[in-house]
Amino acid sequence: MEEKVSVENIEKIVVAVAAVGNVLEKFIAEQGGIVKRLSHLVSLGGEAIALTSLEPSKLAAEFKNIDDAEKAQLLASFKAKFDLSNDEVEAKVEGALGLAVKTESLVEEIVGFAKSFKKA
């Protein structure tokens, strides 16, 4: 049995993507000039710093070993960071992401089931 690998690198990326979504919404909605729009990018500083500690060489192992609990953890991390001014749109994006995670798990299960017949 393979040693369990944490998903901390994936989580850094997920949180950064959520933060970019937040900033993108503010950037688009901003009625001021370009300087005011660009000022929203400053809020990405924390995520940029977190991404500097990313270990790309570990990403493949993290994706290979990810389980349903970790997928739920990543989804929760995204939801905790992602915050749009329009709660309805925010809920739809989060719902679509949750559906994508469930679909991926279902496809993985179906592929595993199909492979079990080839072995028999």
C-alpha atoms as a PDB file:
ATOM      1  CA  MET A   1       0.000   0.000   0.000  1.00  0.00           C
ATOM      2  CA  GLU A   2       1.300   3.450  -0.942  1.00  0.00           C
ATOM      3  CA  GLU A   3       2.098   6.024   1.710  1.00  0.00           C
ATOM      4  CA  LYS A   4      -0.594   8.691   2.008  1.00  0.00           C
ATOM      5  CA  VAL A   5       0.442  12.056   0.605  1.00  0.00           C
ATOM      6  CA  SER A   6      -1.094  15.320   1.820  1.00  0.00           C
ATOM      7  CA  VAL A   7      -2.761  17.664  -0.644  1.00  0.00           C
ATOM      8  CA  GLU A   8      -1.195  20.866   0.689  1.00  0.00           C
ATOM      9  CA  ASN A   9       0.213  21.898  -2.701  1.00  0.00           C
ATOM     10  CA  ILE A  10      -3.120  21.355  -4.430  1.00  0.00           C
ATOM     11  CA  GLU A  11      -4.817  23.307  -1.645  1.00  0.00           C
ATOM     12  CA  LYS A  12      -2.507  26.297  -2.188  1.00  0.00           C
ATOM     13  CA  ILE A  13      -3.536  26.339  -5.841  1.00  0.00           C
ATOM     14  CA  VAL A  14      -7.254  25.944  -5.046  1.00  0.00           C
ATOM     15  CA  VAL A  15      -7.180  28.844  -2.575  1.00  0.00           C
ATOM     16  CA  ALA A  16      -5.244  31.004  -5.042  1.00  0.00           C
ATOM     17  CA  VAL A  17      -7.805  30.295  -7.782  1.00  0.00           C
ATOM     18  CA  ALA A  18     -10.632  31.306  -5.431  1.00  0.00           C
ATOM     19  CA  ALA A  19      -8.783  34.516  -4.543  1.00  0.00           C
ATOM     20  CA  VAL A  20      -8.250  35.324  -8.227  1.00  0.00           C
ATOM     21  CA  GLY A  21     -11.996  34.872  -8.766  1.00  0.00           C
ATOM     22  CA  ASN A  22     -12.698  37.355  -5.979  1.00  0.00           C
ATOM     23  CA  VAL A  23     -10.269  39.899  -7.414  1.00  0.00           C
ATOM     24  CA  LEU A  24     -11.509  39.404 -10.967  1.00  0.00           C
ATOM     25  CA  GLU A  25     -15.051  40.236  -9.892  1.00  0.00           C
ATOM     26  CA  LYS A  26     -13.863  43.436  -8.155  1.00  0.00           C
ATOM     27  CA  PHE A  27     -11.631  44.342 -11.107  1.00  0.00           C
ATOM     28  CA  ILE A  28     -14.511  44.028 -13.577  1.00  0.00           C
ATOM     29  CA  ALA A  29     -16.992  45.875 -11.344  1.00  0.00           C
ATOM     30  CA  GLU A  30     -14.617  48.752 -10.522  1.00  0.00           C
ATOM     31  CA  GLN A  31     -15.830  52.003 -12.048  1.00  0.00           C
ATOM     32  CA  GLY A  32     -12.615  53.919 -11.348  1.00  0.00           C
ATOM     33  CA  GLY A  33      -9.555  54.197 -13.520  1.00  0.00           C
ATOM     34  CA  ILE A  34      -6.930  51.580 -14.169  1.00  0.00           C
ATOM     35  CA  VAL A  35      -5.040  52.430 -10.964  1.00  0.00           C
ATOM     36  CA  LYS A  36      -8.126  51.714  -8.872  1.00  0.00           C
ATOM     37  CA  ARG A  37      -8.701  48.486 -10.780  1.00  0.00           C
ATOM     38  CA  LEU A  38      -5.121  47.356 -10.352  1.00  0.00           C
ATOM     39  CA  SER A  39      -5.258  48.155  -6.631  1.00  0.00           C
ATOM     40  CA  HIS A  40      -7.434  45.052  -6.201  1.00  0.00           C
ATOM     41  CA  LEU A  41      -4.472  42.908  -7.230  1.00  0.00           C
ATOM     42  CA  VAL A  42      -2.735  43.807  -3.961  1.00  0.00           C
ATOM     43  CA  SER A  43      -5.134  41.497  -2.130  1.00  0.00           C
ATOM     44  CA  LEU A  44      -3.508  38.554  -3.941  1.00  0.00           C
ATOM     45  CA  GLY A  45      -0.267  39.084  -2.032  1.00  0.00           C
ATOM     46  CA  GLY A  46      -0.926  36.364   0.543  1.00  0.00           C
ATOM     47  CA  GLU A  47      -1.736  33.783  -2.094  1.00  0.00           C
ATOM     48  CA  ALA A  48       1.301  34.792  -4.149  1.00  0.00           C
ATOM     49  CA  ILE A  49       3.501  34.251  -1.096  1.00  0.00           C
ATOM     50  CA  ALA A  50       1.837  30.887  -0.437  1.00  0.00           C
ATOM     51  CA  LEU A  51       2.452  29.825  -4.029  1.00  0.00           C
ATOM     52  CA  THR A  52       6.187  30.519  -3.655  1.00  0.00           C
ATOM     53  CA  SER A  53       6.294  27.589  -1.230  1.00  0.00           C
ATOM     54  CA  LEU A  54       4.554  25.339  -3.751  1.00  0.00           C
ATOM     55  CA  GLU A  55       6.421  22.125  -4.493  1.00  0.00           C
ATOM     56  CA  PRO A  56       5.478  21.291  -8.103  1.00  0.00           C
ATOM     57  CA  SER A  57       7.386  18.002  -7.983  1.00  0.00           C
ATOM     58  CA  LYS A  58       4.884  16.726  -5.397  1.00  0.00           C
ATOM     59  CA  LEU A  59       1.719  17.647  -7.322  1.00  0.00           C
ATOM     60  CA  ALA A  60       1.523  14.451  -9.376  1.00  0.00           C
ATOM     61  CA  ALA A  61       1.737  12.302  -6.222  1.00  0.00           C
ATOM     62  CA  GLU A  62      -0.903  14.442  -4.508  1.00  0.00           C
ATOM     63  CA  PHE A  63      -3.316  14.064  -7.433  1.00  0.00           C
ATOM     64  CA  LYS A  64      -2.607  10.350  -7.708  1.00  0.00           C
ATOM     65  CA  ASN A  65      -3.396   9.667  -4.042  1.00  0.00           C
ATOM     66  CA  ILE A  66      -6.282  12.072  -3.470  1.00  0.00           C
ATOM     67  CA  ASP A  67      -9.293  10.541  -1.743  1.00  0.00           C
ATOM     68  CA  ASP A  68     -12.881  11.713  -1.276  1.00  0.00           C
ATOM     69  CA  ALA A  69     -12.182  13.267   2.140  1.00  0.00           C
ATOM     70  CA  GLU A  70      -9.359  15.337   0.663  1.00  0.00           C
ATOM     71  CA  LYS A  71     -11.544  16.365  -2.271  1.00  0.00           C
ATOM     72  CA  ALA A  72     -14.140  17.549   0.247  1.00  0.00           C
ATOM     73  CA  GLN A  73     -11.397  19.408   2.147  1.00  0.00           C
ATOM     74  CA  LEU A  74     -10.269  21.149  -1.054  1.00  0.00           C
ATOM     75  CA  LEU A  75     -13.842  22.089  -1.928  1.00  0.00           C
ATOM     76  CA  ALA A  76     -14.335  23.486   1.590  1.00  0.00           C
ATOM     77  CA  SER A  77     -11.106  25.500   1.277  1.00  0.00           C
ATOM     78  CA  PHE A  78     -12.303  26.943  -2.028  1.00  0.00           C
ATOM     79  CA  LYS A  79     -15.698  27.844  -0.568  1.00  0.00           C
ATOM     80  CA  ALA A  80     -14.083  29.460   2.474  1.00  0.00           C
ATOM     81  CA  LYS A  81     -11.958  31.744   0.282  1.00  0.00           C
ATOM     82  CA  PHE A  82     -14.352  32.364  -2.616  1.00  0.00           C
ATOM     83  CA  ASP A  83     -16.617  35.305  -1.834  1.00  0.00           C
ATOM     84  CA  LEU A  84     -18.483  37.140  -4.544  1.00  0.00           C
ATOM     85  CA  SER A  85     -20.775  40.094  -3.937  1.00  0.00           C
ATOM     86  CA  ASN A  86     -23.560  38.198  -5.723  1.00  0.00           C
ATOM     87  CA  ASP A  87     -24.344  35.273  -3.424  1.00  0.00           C
ATOM     88  CA  GLU A  88     -26.500  33.572  -6.056  1.00  0.00           C
ATOM     89  CA  VAL A  89     -23.663  33.478  -8.578  1.00  0.00           C
ATOM     90  CA  GLU A  90     -21.252  32.415  -5.842  1.00  0.00           C
ATOM     91  CA  ALA A  91     -23.532  29.512  -4.887  1.00  0.00           C
ATOM     92  CA  LYS A  92     -23.826  28.439  -8.535  1.00  0.00           C
ATOM     93  CA  VAL A  93     -20.053  28.445  -9.031  1.00  0.00           C
ATOM     94  CA  GLU A  94     -19.532  26.491  -5.810  1.00  0.00           C
ATOM     95  CA  GLY A  95     -22.310  24.080  -6.763  1.00  0.00           C
ATOM     96  CA  ALA A  96     -20.794  23.505 -10.206  1.00  0.00           C
ATOM     97  CA  LEU A  97     -17.397  22.859  -8.660  1.00  0.00           C
ATOM     98  CA  GLY A  98     -18.951  20.416  -6.191  1.00  0.00           C
ATOM     99  CA  LEU A  99     -20.720  18.646  -9.054  1.00  0.00           C
ATOM    100  CA  ALA A 100     -17.447  18.428 -10.994  1.00  0.00           C
ATOM    101  CA  VAL A 101     -15.742  16.822  -7.983  1.00  0.00           C
ATOM    102  CA  LYS A 102     -18.582  14.310  -7.576  1.00  0.00           C
ATOM    103  CA  THR A 103     -18.573  13.533 -11.311  1.00  0.00           C
ATOM    104  CA  GLU A 104     -14.820  12.937 -11.290  1.00  0.00           C
ATOM    105  CA  SER A 105     -15.218  10.541  -8.343  1.00  0.00           C
ATOM    106  CA  LEU A 106     -18.028   8.693 -10.109  1.00  0.00           C
ATOM    107  CA  VAL A 107     -16.016   8.356 -13.337  1.00  0.00           C
ATOM    108  CA  GLU A 108     -13.040   7.091 -11.327  1.00  0.00           C
ATOM    109  CA  GLU A 109     -15.279   4.509  -9.662  1.00  0.00           C
ATOM    110  CA  ILE A 110     -16.758   3.381 -13.006  1.00  0.00           C
ATOM    111  CA  VAL A 111     -13.288   3.031 -14.551  1.00  0.00           C
ATOM    112  CA  GLY A 112     -12.150   0.971 -11.558  1.00  0.00           C
ATOM    113  CA  PHE A 113     -15.240  -1.208 -11.871  1.00  0.00           C
ATOM    114  CA  ALA A 114     -14.641  -1.738 -15.606  1.00  0.00           C
ATOM    115  CA  LYS A 115     -10.986  -2.609 -14.975  1.00  0.00           C
ATOM    116  CA  SER A 116     -12.047  -5.240 -12.450  1.00  0.00           C
ATOM    117  CA  PHE A 117     -13.800  -7.146 -15.269  1.00  0.00           C
ATOM    118  CA  LYS A 118     -10.648  -7.130 -17.396  1.00  0.00           C
ATOM    119  CA  LYS A 119      -8.721  -8.768 -14.548  1.00  0.00           C
ATOM    120  CA  ALA A 120     -11.317 -11.489 -14.089  1.00  0.00           C
END
